[in-house]
C-alpha cells in the first residue's frame, strides 16, 4: 500500500530524496541560470554572436535556450508527476486557498493585457447593432475589436497593477503556481508549481531590477514609488488602494475569475483531456 503524507507533514529528507523533485528542480535551476547569464551578458553576447547572425540573433538564441530549459522542466514533470512521494488529497481549505491563488495570479496577469472590449462581444452576439458604415474604418474596427489596444496609450510608468509590484508578470505566475502547489498530490507537483517558480522568479525579479537599474530602464522615480515584493508599496503608503481600484480593468478581472473557476472546478466543468498529471493546473 502507498502511504499518503499530509502536505504539512512532509519531511525535508523525504522530499529531497524524491527523484521527481530532484529532476524538476534541476530543470528550474537550468532555466534560472540560463536567464541570468543571457540577461547579465546581453551586450557581450550581442557583440560576439548577434553581429554575425543578424539583428535578431540574440533574441533567437535567448528564446531557443529558454524554450529548451522550459522543455526540460515539463519533460521531468510529465515523467514523474504521478509517482514518488504521494501526498494526501488536498483539504477543503487547501482547495479554497488554491482557488484564491489562481484568481490572484490570473487577475494580476489579466491587467497586463489590453482591456476586453465588452461592446465587441455584444456586437458579435447580436445584442448590439453593428457599427454604422458611415463611421471611419478605424473607428468601426476599434468598436468590433475584442481588445481595446489604445486604452494604455497615455498611462505613465506607474499605473494599475504596477502599484502592487513592478514585476507583475512574475508575481502573477508565482501566485498561479502556488495555487497548484496547494492542491498537489505528489512532491513533484509541489516543486513544479510551488518551490521551483517561487525561487526562480524571486531571483530573476531581483536580477531584472539590477540589470534595468544599470541600463537606465528602471528610473529612480519608478523604483522609489513601487516595490518588488507584492503589496509592499501599498502597505507602506507609497501607493494607494483607491488609485489601484480606479485603474484596475474590471472586465479582465471577471474573465480571470471565470478561468480560475474553470481550472479549479475539476471534472465537473473541465474535460478530462485537460488534466495535467494528477492535479489541476
C-alpha atoms as a PDB file:
ATOM      1  CA  UNK A   1       0.000   0.000   0.000  1.00  0.00           C
ATOM      2  CA  UNK A   2       1.118   3.567  -0.721  1.00  0.00           C
ATOM      3  CA  UNK A   3       1.323   5.730   2.373  1.00  0.00           C
ATOM      4  CA  UNK A   4      -0.184   9.154   1.839  1.00  0.00           C
ATOM      5  CA  UNK A   5       1.565  12.011   3.617  1.00  0.00           C
ATOM      6  CA  UNK A   6      -0.274  15.220   4.614  1.00  0.00           C
ATOM      7  CA  UNK A   7       1.127  18.329   2.900  1.00  0.00           C
ATOM      8  CA  UNK A   8       2.204  19.878   6.223  1.00  0.00           C
ATOM      9  CA  UNK A   9       3.837  16.658   7.497  1.00  0.00           C
ATOM     10  CA  UNK A  10       6.141  16.157   4.521  1.00  0.00           C
ATOM     11  CA  UNK A  11       9.724  15.896   5.816  1.00  0.00           C
ATOM     12  CA  UNK A  12      12.609  17.702   4.128  1.00  0.00           C
ATOM     13  CA  UNK A  13      14.641  14.478   3.915  1.00  0.00           C
ATOM     14  CA  UNK A  14      11.874  12.519   2.171  1.00  0.00           C
ATOM     15  CA  UNK A  15      11.205  15.492  -0.077  1.00  0.00           C
ATOM     16  CA  UNK A  16      14.859  15.775  -1.124  1.00  0.00           C
ATOM     17  CA  UNK A  17      15.171  12.037  -1.825  1.00  0.00           C
ATOM     18  CA  UNK A  18      12.295  12.054  -4.295  1.00  0.00           C
ATOM     19  CA  UNK A  19      13.582  11.532  -7.848  1.00  0.00           C
ATOM     20  CA  UNK A  20      10.899  13.708  -9.433  1.00  0.00           C
ATOM     21  CA  UNK A  21      11.692  16.558  -7.037  1.00  0.00           C
ATOM     22  CA  UNK A  22      15.367  16.449  -7.992  1.00  0.00           C
ATOM     23  CA  UNK A  23      14.753  16.320 -11.737  1.00  0.00           C
ATOM     24  CA  UNK A  24      12.136  19.090 -11.789  1.00  0.00           C
ATOM     25  CA  UNK A  25      14.259  21.295  -9.538  1.00  0.00           C
ATOM     26  CA  UNK A  26      17.218  20.699 -11.862  1.00  0.00           C
ATOM     27  CA  UNK A  27      15.097  21.945 -14.748  1.00  0.00           C
ATOM     28  CA  UNK A  28      14.092  25.075 -12.851  1.00  0.00           C
ATOM     29  CA  UNK A  29      17.757  25.656 -11.945  1.00  0.00           C
ATOM     30  CA  UNK A  30      18.803  25.399 -15.602  1.00  0.00           C
ATOM     31  CA  UNK A  31      16.022  27.812 -16.589  1.00  0.00           C
ATOM     32  CA  UNK A  32      17.080  30.316 -13.908  1.00  0.00           C
ATOM     33  CA  UNK A  33      20.812  30.191 -14.699  1.00  0.00           C
ATOM     34  CA  UNK A  34      20.178  30.466 -18.436  1.00  0.00           C
ATOM     35  CA  UNK A  35      18.075  33.615 -17.955  1.00  0.00           C
ATOM     36  CA  UNK A  36      20.632  35.122 -15.567  1.00  0.00           C
ATOM     37  CA  UNK A  37      23.514  34.567 -17.989  1.00  0.00           C
ATOM     38  CA  UNK A  38      21.636  35.777 -21.067  1.00  0.00           C
ATOM     39  CA  UNK A  39      20.485  38.998 -19.397  1.00  0.00           C
ATOM     40  CA  UNK A  40      23.689  39.730 -17.448  1.00  0.00           C
ATOM     41  CA  UNK A  41      25.922  39.366 -20.505  1.00  0.00           C
ATOM     42  CA  UNK A  42      23.481  40.709 -23.078  1.00  0.00           C
ATOM     43  CA  UNK A  43      25.935  43.258 -24.509  1.00  0.00           C
ATOM     44  CA  UNK A  44      28.786  40.776 -24.820  1.00  0.00           C
ATOM     45  CA  UNK A  45      26.593  38.095 -26.380  1.00  0.00           C
ATOM     46  CA  UNK A  46      25.162  40.578 -28.871  1.00  0.00           C
ATOM     47  CA  UNK A  47      28.687  41.690 -29.772  1.00  0.00           C
ATOM     48  CA  UNK A  48      30.185  38.249 -30.349  1.00  0.00           C
ATOM     49  CA  UNK A  49      27.065  36.383 -31.523  1.00  0.00           C
ATOM     50  CA  UNK A  50      24.454  38.837 -32.641  1.00  0.00           C
ATOM     51  CA  UNK A  51      26.733  40.713 -35.018  1.00  0.00           C
ATOM     52  CA  UNK A  52      27.356  37.595 -37.064  1.00  0.00           C
ATOM     53  CA  UNK A  53      23.823  36.292 -37.062  1.00  0.00           C
ATOM     54  CA  UNK A  54      21.859  39.453 -37.801  1.00  0.00           C
ATOM     55  CA  UNK A  55      19.913  41.891 -35.567  1.00  0.00           C
ATOM     56  CA  UNK A  56      17.587  39.159 -34.243  1.00  0.00           C
ATOM     57  CA  UNK A  57      20.321  36.630 -33.448  1.00  0.00           C
ATOM     58  CA  UNK A  58      20.479  37.408 -29.726  1.00  0.00           C
ATOM     59  CA  UNK A  59      16.728  37.161 -29.254  1.00  0.00           C
ATOM     60  CA  UNK A  60      16.617  33.951 -31.299  1.00  0.00           C
ATOM     61  CA  UNK A  61      19.363  32.411 -29.156  1.00  0.00           C
ATOM     62  CA  UNK A  62      17.679  33.604 -25.935  1.00  0.00           C
ATOM     63  CA  UNK A  63      14.296  32.198 -26.978  1.00  0.00           C
ATOM     64  CA  UNK A  64      15.816  28.890 -28.081  1.00  0.00           C
ATOM     65  CA  UNK A  65      17.706  28.363 -24.822  1.00  0.00           C
ATOM     66  CA  UNK A  66      14.700  29.384 -22.702  1.00  0.00           C
ATOM     67  CA  UNK A  67      12.498  27.038 -24.710  1.00  0.00           C
ATOM     68  CA  UNK A  68      14.882  24.122 -24.194  1.00  0.00           C
ATOM     69  CA  UNK A  69      15.156  24.880 -20.476  1.00  0.00           C
ATOM     70  CA  UNK A  70      11.373  25.019 -20.152  1.00  0.00           C
ATOM     71  CA  UNK A  71      11.082  21.772 -22.087  1.00  0.00           C
ATOM     72  CA  UNK A  72      13.402  20.084 -19.575  1.00  0.00           C
ATOM     73  CA  UNK A  73      11.114  21.180 -16.715  1.00  0.00           C
ATOM     74  CA  UNK A  74       7.920  19.912 -18.341  1.00  0.00           C
ATOM     75  CA  UNK A  75       9.566  16.692 -19.528  1.00  0.00           C
ATOM     76  CA  UNK A  76      10.642  15.889 -15.961  1.00  0.00           C
ATOM     77  CA  UNK A  77       7.204  16.813 -14.647  1.00  0.00           C
ATOM     78  CA  UNK A  78       5.442  14.669 -17.235  1.00  0.00           C
ATOM     79  CA  UNK A  79       7.632  11.704 -16.319  1.00  0.00           C
ATOM     80  CA  UNK A  80       7.440  11.938 -12.518  1.00  0.00           C
ATOM     81  CA  UNK A  81       4.335  13.978 -11.592  1.00  0.00           C
ATOM     82  CA  UNK A  82       2.222  10.921 -10.705  1.00  0.00           C
ATOM     83  CA  UNK A  83       4.937   8.945  -8.950  1.00  0.00           C
ATOM     84  CA  UNK A  84       7.284   9.222  -5.993  1.00  0.00           C
ATOM     85  CA  UNK A  85       6.286  10.712  -2.653  1.00  0.00           C
ATOM     86  CA  UNK A  86       2.484  10.741  -2.525  1.00  0.00           C
ATOM     87  CA  UNK A  87       0.554  13.374  -0.582  1.00  0.00           C
ATOM     88  CA  UNK A  88      -2.902  13.062   0.868  1.00  0.00           C
ATOM     89  CA  UNK A  89      -5.773  14.618  -1.058  1.00  0.00           C
ATOM     90  CA  UNK A  90      -5.953  18.405  -0.627  1.00  0.00           C
ATOM     91  CA  UNK A  91      -8.312  19.555   2.092  1.00  0.00           C
ATOM     92  CA  UNK A  92     -11.203  21.930   1.543  1.00  0.00           C
ATOM     93  CA  UNK A  93      -9.068  24.749   2.987  1.00  0.00           C
ATOM     94  CA  UNK A  94      -6.272  23.975   0.527  1.00  0.00           C
ATOM     95  CA  UNK A  95      -8.727  23.952  -2.367  1.00  0.00           C
ATOM     96  CA  UNK A  96     -10.194  27.300  -1.326  1.00  0.00           C
ATOM     97  CA  UNK A  97      -6.719  28.803  -0.984  1.00  0.00           C
ATOM     98  CA  UNK A  98      -5.770  27.272  -4.320  1.00  0.00           C
ATOM     99  CA  UNK A  99      -8.750  28.901  -5.997  1.00  0.00           C
ATOM    100  CA  UNK A 100      -7.845  32.222  -4.381  1.00  0.00           C
ATOM    101  CA  UNK A 101      -4.265  31.873  -5.622  1.00  0.00           C
ATOM    102  CA  UNK A 102      -5.468  31.237  -9.153  1.00  0.00           C
ATOM    103  CA  UNK A 103      -7.757  34.269  -9.041  1.00  0.00           C
ATOM    104  CA  UNK A 104      -4.912  36.420  -7.706  1.00  0.00           C
ATOM    105  CA  UNK A 105      -2.384  35.105 -10.231  1.00  0.00           C
ATOM    106  CA  UNK A 106      -4.612  35.226 -13.291  1.00  0.00           C
ATOM    107  CA  UNK A 107      -6.102  38.531 -12.149  1.00  0.00           C
ATOM    108  CA  UNK A 108      -2.613  40.033 -11.956  1.00  0.00           C
ATOM    109  CA  UNK A 109      -1.689  38.730 -15.408  1.00  0.00           C
ATOM    110  CA  UNK A 110      -5.008  39.931 -16.838  1.00  0.00           C
ATOM    111  CA  UNK A 111      -4.083  43.518 -16.006  1.00  0.00           C
ATOM    112  CA  UNK A 112      -1.103  43.297 -18.357  1.00  0.00           C
ATOM    113  CA  UNK A 113      -3.452  42.669 -21.285  1.00  0.00           C
ATOM    114  CA  UNK A 114      -5.468  45.303 -23.141  1.00  0.00           C
ATOM    115  CA  UNK A 115      -8.967  45.744 -21.685  1.00  0.00           C
ATOM    116  CA  UNK A 116     -11.563  43.348 -23.039  1.00  0.00           C
ATOM    117  CA  UNK A 117     -13.977  45.259 -25.247  1.00  0.00           C
ATOM    118  CA  UNK A 118     -17.348  44.115 -23.904  1.00  0.00           C
ATOM    119  CA  UNK A 119     -19.090  46.091 -26.641  1.00  0.00           C
ATOM    120  CA  UNK A 120     -17.400  43.954 -29.327  1.00  0.00           C
ATOM    121  CA  UNK A 121     -18.690  40.806 -27.627  1.00  0.00           C
ATOM    122  CA  UNK A 122     -22.212  42.234 -27.563  1.00  0.00           C
ATOM    123  CA  UNK A 123     -21.949  43.059 -31.268  1.00  0.00           C
ATOM    124  CA  UNK A 124     -20.717  39.527 -32.037  1.00  0.00           C
ATOM    125  CA  UNK A 125     -23.654  38.027 -30.110  1.00  0.00           C
ATOM    126  CA  UNK A 126     -26.151  40.295 -31.836  1.00  0.00           C
ATOM    127  CA  UNK A 127     -27.102  42.114 -28.630  1.00  0.00           C
ATOM    128  CA  UNK A 128     -25.947  45.448 -30.063  1.00  0.00           C
ATOM    129  CA  UNK A 129     -26.219  46.595 -33.682  1.00  0.00           C
ATOM    130  CA  UNK A 130     -23.118  46.621 -35.855  1.00  0.00           C
ATOM    131  CA  UNK A 131     -21.259  49.944 -36.157  1.00  0.00           C
ATOM    132  CA  UNK A 132     -22.647  52.303 -38.741  1.00  0.00           C
ATOM    133  CA  UNK A 133     -20.955  52.120 -42.138  1.00  0.00           C
ATOM    134  CA  UNK A 134     -20.810  55.909 -42.096  1.00  0.00           C
ATOM    135  CA  UNK A 135     -18.093  55.750 -39.430  1.00  0.00           C
ATOM    136  CA  UNK A 136     -14.405  55.796 -40.453  1.00  0.00           C
ATOM    137  CA  UNK A 137     -12.912  52.307 -40.952  1.00  0.00           C
ATOM    138  CA  UNK A 138     -10.557  52.795 -37.982  1.00  0.00           C
ATOM    139  CA  UNK A 139     -13.466  53.566 -35.660  1.00  0.00           C
ATOM    140  CA  UNK A 140     -15.539  50.638 -36.940  1.00  0.00           C
ATOM    141  CA  UNK A 141     -12.573  48.312 -36.497  1.00  0.00           C
ATOM    142  CA  UNK A 142     -11.914  49.518 -32.946  1.00  0.00           C
ATOM    143  CA  UNK A 143     -15.573  49.055 -31.956  1.00  0.00           C
ATOM    144  CA  UNK A 144     -15.589  45.460 -33.234  1.00  0.00           C
ATOM    145  CA  UNK A 145     -12.120  44.508 -31.914  1.00  0.00           C
ATOM    146  CA  UNK A 146     -12.272  42.236 -28.824  1.00  0.00           C
ATOM    147  CA  UNK A 147      -9.481  44.230 -27.138  1.00  0.00           C
ATOM    148  CA  UNK A 148      -9.018  47.974 -26.671  1.00  0.00           C
ATOM    149  CA  UNK A 149      -5.372  48.365 -27.691  1.00  0.00           C
ATOM    150  CA  UNK A 150      -5.422  52.149 -27.219  1.00  0.00           C
ATOM    151  CA  UNK A 151      -6.516  52.125 -23.575  1.00  0.00           C
ATOM    152  CA  UNK A 152      -2.981  52.301 -22.141  1.00  0.00           C
ATOM    153  CA  UNK A 153      -1.536  54.709 -24.687  1.00  0.00           C
ATOM    154  CA  UNK A 154      -1.229  57.665 -22.293  1.00  0.00           C
ATOM    155  CA  UNK A 155      -0.527  55.936 -18.977  1.00  0.00           C
ATOM    156  CA  UNK A 156       2.680  56.685 -17.079  1.00  0.00           C
ATOM    157  CA  UNK A 157       5.347  54.440 -15.599  1.00  0.00           C
ATOM    158  CA  UNK A 158       3.312  53.585 -12.516  1.00  0.00           C
ATOM    159  CA  UNK A 159      -0.218  52.550 -13.312  1.00  0.00           C
ATOM    160  CA  UNK A 160      -2.686  49.864 -12.359  1.00  0.00           C
ATOM    161  CA  UNK A 161      -1.126  46.549 -11.400  1.00  0.00           C
ATOM    162  CA  UNK A 162       2.393  48.036 -11.119  1.00  0.00           C
ATOM    163  CA  UNK A 163       1.140  49.634  -7.909  1.00  0.00           C
ATOM    164  CA  UNK A 164       1.088  46.084  -6.496  1.00  0.00           C
ATOM    165  CA  UNK A 165       4.536  45.129  -7.826  1.00  0.00           C
ATOM    166  CA  UNK A 166       6.817  46.486 -10.530  1.00  0.00           C
ATOM    167  CA  UNK A 167       7.266  42.874 -11.754  1.00  0.00           C
ATOM    168  CA  UNK A 168       3.588  41.892 -12.107  1.00  0.00           C
ATOM    169  CA  UNK A 169       4.275  39.246 -14.757  1.00  0.00           C
ATOM    170  CA  UNK A 170       6.484  37.251 -12.369  1.00  0.00           C
ATOM    171  CA  UNK A 171       4.187  37.877  -9.403  1.00  0.00           C
ATOM    172  CA  UNK A 172       1.149  36.669 -11.348  1.00  0.00           C
ATOM    173  CA  UNK A 173       2.889  33.498 -12.474  1.00  0.00           C
ATOM    174  CA  UNK A 174       4.149  32.928  -8.933  1.00  0.00           C
ATOM    175  CA  UNK A 175       0.678  33.171  -7.359  1.00  0.00           C
ATOM    176  CA  UNK A 176      -0.760  30.899 -10.034  1.00  0.00           C
ATOM    177  CA  UNK A 177       1.986  28.349  -9.375  1.00  0.00           C
ATOM    178  CA  UNK A 178       1.487  28.423  -5.610  1.00  0.00           C
ATOM    179  CA  UNK A 179      -2.183  27.655  -6.175  1.00  0.00           C
ATOM    180  CA  UNK A 180      -1.192  24.484  -8.000  1.00  0.00           C
ATOM    181  CA  UNK A 181       1.191  23.511  -5.189  1.00  0.00           C
ATOM    182  CA  UNK A 182      -1.601  23.828  -2.614  1.00  0.00           C
ATOM    183  CA  UNK A 183      -3.694  21.170  -4.363  1.00  0.00           C
ATOM    184  CA  UNK A 184      -0.748  18.937  -5.318  1.00  0.00           C
ATOM    185  CA  UNK A 185      -0.909  15.201  -4.700  1.00  0.00           C
ATOM    186  CA  UNK A 186       2.818  14.416  -5.114  1.00  0.00           C
ATOM    187  CA  UNK A 187       6.056  16.068  -4.019  1.00  0.00           C
ATOM    188  CA  UNK A 188       6.996  16.534  -7.675  1.00  0.00           C
ATOM    189  CA  UNK A 189       3.905  18.659  -8.216  1.00  0.00           C
ATOM    190  CA  UNK A 190       4.773  20.807  -5.192  1.00  0.00           C
ATOM    191  CA  UNK A 191       8.173  21.600  -6.716  1.00  0.00           C
ATOM    192  CA  UNK A 192       6.775  22.107 -10.207  1.00  0.00           C
ATOM    193  CA  UNK A 193       4.155  24.668  -9.217  1.00  0.00           C
ATOM    194  CA  UNK A 194       5.420  25.978  -5.867  1.00  0.00           C
ATOM    195  CA  UNK A 195       9.081  25.786  -4.852  1.00  0.00           C
ATOM    196  CA  UNK A 196      10.555  25.922  -8.350  1.00  0.00           C
ATOM    197  CA  UNK A 197       8.813  29.023  -9.700  1.00  0.00           C
ATOM    198  CA  UNK A 198       8.902  30.911  -6.383  1.00  0.00           C
ATOM    199  CA  UNK A 199      12.684  30.531  -6.075  1.00  0.00           C
ATOM    200  CA  UNK A 200      13.316  31.092  -9.789  1.00  0.00           C
ATOM    201  CA  UNK A 201      11.069  34.121 -10.217  1.00  0.00           C
ATOM    202  CA  UNK A 202      12.324  35.752  -6.999  1.00  0.00           C
ATOM    203  CA  UNK A 203      15.923  35.507  -8.211  1.00  0.00           C
ATOM    204  CA  UNK A 204      15.040  36.692 -11.707  1.00  0.00           C
ATOM    205  CA  UNK A 205      12.980  39.629 -10.388  1.00  0.00           C
ATOM    206  CA  UNK A 206      15.867  40.892  -8.236  1.00  0.00           C
ATOM    207  CA  UNK A 207      18.307  40.395 -11.091  1.00  0.00           C
ATOM    208  CA  UNK A 208      15.994  42.176 -13.524  1.00  0.00           C
ATOM    209  CA  UNK A 209      15.915  45.187 -11.182  1.00  0.00           C
ATOM    210  CA  UNK A 210      19.714  45.184 -11.067  1.00  0.00           C
ATOM    211  CA  UNK A 211      20.123  44.983 -14.848  1.00  0.00           C
ATOM    212  CA  UNK A 212      17.457  47.587 -15.593  1.00  0.00           C
ATOM    213  CA  UNK A 213      18.820  49.922 -12.931  1.00  0.00           C
ATOM    214  CA  UNK A 214      22.237  49.700 -14.560  1.00  0.00           C
ATOM    215  CA  UNK A 215      20.876  50.284 -18.080  1.00  0.00           C
ATOM    216  CA  UNK A 216      18.558  53.114 -17.030  1.00  0.00           C
ATOM    217  CA  UNK A 217      15.352  51.246 -17.944  1.00  0.00           C
ATOM    218  CA  UNK A 218      14.304  51.335 -14.281  1.00  0.00           C
ATOM    219  CA  UNK A 219      14.022  55.024 -13.399  1.00  0.00           C
ATOM    220  CA  UNK A 220      14.728  56.224  -9.841  1.00  0.00           C
ATOM    221  CA  UNK A 221      11.167  57.557  -9.675  1.00  0.00           C
ATOM    222  CA  UNK A 222       9.587  54.215 -10.517  1.00  0.00           C
ATOM    223  CA  UNK A 223      11.855  52.344  -8.109  1.00  0.00           C
ATOM    224  CA  UNK A 224      11.035  54.787  -5.325  1.00  0.00           C
ATOM    225  CA  UNK A 225       7.271  54.683  -5.924  1.00  0.00           C
ATOM    226  CA  UNK A 226       6.873  50.905  -6.382  1.00  0.00           C
ATOM    227  CA  UNK A 227       8.002  47.715  -4.680  1.00  0.00           C
ATOM    228  CA  UNK A 228       9.385  44.438  -5.910  1.00  0.00           C
ATOM    229  CA  UNK A 229       7.604  42.493  -3.164  1.00  0.00           C
ATOM    230  CA  UNK A 230       3.862  42.276  -3.879  1.00  0.00           C
ATOM    231  CA  UNK A 231       1.665  44.750  -1.970  1.00  0.00           C
ATOM    232  CA  UNK A 232       4.576  46.278  -0.015  1.00  0.00           C
ATOM    233  CA  UNK A 233       4.246  49.727  -1.640  1.00  0.00           C
ATOM    234  CA  UNK A 234       0.509  49.669  -0.873  1.00  0.00           C
ATOM    235  CA  UNK A 235       1.054  48.685   2.741  1.00  0.00           C
ATOM    236  CA  UNK A 236       3.819  51.223   3.466  1.00  0.00           C
ATOM    237  CA  UNK A 237       1.905  54.127   1.914  1.00  0.00           C
ATOM    238  CA  UNK A 238       3.872  54.704  -1.284  1.00  0.00           C
ATOM    239  CA  UNK A 239       0.800  53.652  -3.266  1.00  0.00           C
ATOM    240  CA  UNK A 240      -2.896  53.926  -2.524  1.00  0.00           C
ATOM    241  CA  UNK A 241      -5.550  51.242  -2.709  1.00  0.00           C
ATOM    242  CA  UNK A 242      -8.044  53.787  -4.049  1.00  0.00           C
ATOM    243  CA  UNK A 243      -5.848  54.585  -7.071  1.00  0.00           C
ATOM    244  CA  UNK A 244      -5.327  50.884  -7.691  1.00  0.00           C
ATOM    245  CA  UNK A 245      -9.065  50.227  -7.546  1.00  0.00           C
ATOM    246  CA  UNK A 246      -9.787  53.010 -10.030  1.00  0.00           C
ATOM    247  CA  UNK A 247      -7.215  51.746 -12.546  1.00  0.00           C
ATOM    248  CA  UNK A 248      -7.910  48.020 -12.454  1.00  0.00           C
ATOM    249  CA  UNK A 249      -9.739  46.718 -15.529  1.00  0.00           C
ATOM    250  CA  UNK A 250     -12.881  45.024 -14.177  1.00  0.00           C
ATOM    251  CA  UNK A 251     -13.715  43.113 -17.383  1.00  0.00           C
ATOM    252  CA  UNK A 252     -10.291  41.448 -17.378  1.00  0.00           C
ATOM    253  CA  UNK A 253     -10.656  40.543 -13.698  1.00  0.00           C
ATOM    254  CA  UNK A 254     -14.026  38.907 -14.364  1.00  0.00           C
ATOM    255  CA  UNK A 255     -12.519  36.893 -17.222  1.00  0.00           C
ATOM    256  CA  UNK A 256      -9.616  35.837 -14.980  1.00  0.00           C
ATOM    257  CA  UNK A 257     -12.034  34.766 -12.257  1.00  0.00           C
ATOM    258  CA  UNK A 258     -14.009  32.622 -14.713  1.00  0.00           C
ATOM    259  CA  UNK A 259     -10.832  30.923 -15.951  1.00  0.00           C
ATOM    260  CA  UNK A 260      -9.742  30.320 -12.344  1.00  0.00           C
ATOM    261  CA  UNK A 261     -13.109  28.722 -11.575  1.00  0.00           C
ATOM    262  CA  UNK A 262     -12.874  26.566 -14.693  1.00  0.00           C
ATOM    263  CA  UNK A 263      -9.425  25.308 -13.640  1.00  0.00           C
ATOM    264  CA  UNK A 264     -10.430  24.770 -10.012  1.00  0.00           C
ATOM    265  CA  UNK A 265     -13.783  23.049 -10.567  1.00  0.00           C
ATOM    266  CA  UNK A 266     -12.196  19.760 -11.621  1.00  0.00           C
ATOM    267  CA  UNK A 267     -14.026  17.285 -13.820  1.00  0.00           C
ATOM    268  CA  UNK A 268     -17.375  18.939 -13.096  1.00  0.00           C
ATOM    269  CA  UNK A 269     -16.832  21.506 -15.845  1.00  0.00           C
ATOM    270  CA  UNK A 270     -13.417  20.673 -17.324  1.00  0.00           C
ATOM    271  CA  UNK A 271     -12.943  17.843 -19.853  1.00  0.00           C
ATOM    272  CA  UNK A 272     -10.617  15.029 -18.773  1.00  0.00           C
ATOM    273  CA  UNK A 273      -8.125  15.692 -21.559  1.00  0.00           C
ATOM    274  CA  UNK A 274      -7.161  18.989 -19.899  1.00  0.00           C
ATOM    275  CA  UNK A 275      -5.918  17.224 -16.735  1.00  0.00           C
ATOM    276  CA  UNK A 276      -2.130  17.540 -16.459  1.00  0.00           C
ATOM    277  CA  UNK A 277      -0.779  14.904 -14.112  1.00  0.00           C
ATOM    278  CA  UNK A 278      -2.996  14.018 -11.155  1.00  0.00           C
ATOM    279  CA  UNK A 279      -3.814  17.572 -10.141  1.00  0.00           C
ATOM    280  CA  UNK A 280      -5.288  20.615 -11.769  1.00  0.00           C
ATOM    281  CA  UNK A 281      -3.082  23.300 -13.232  1.00  0.00           C
END
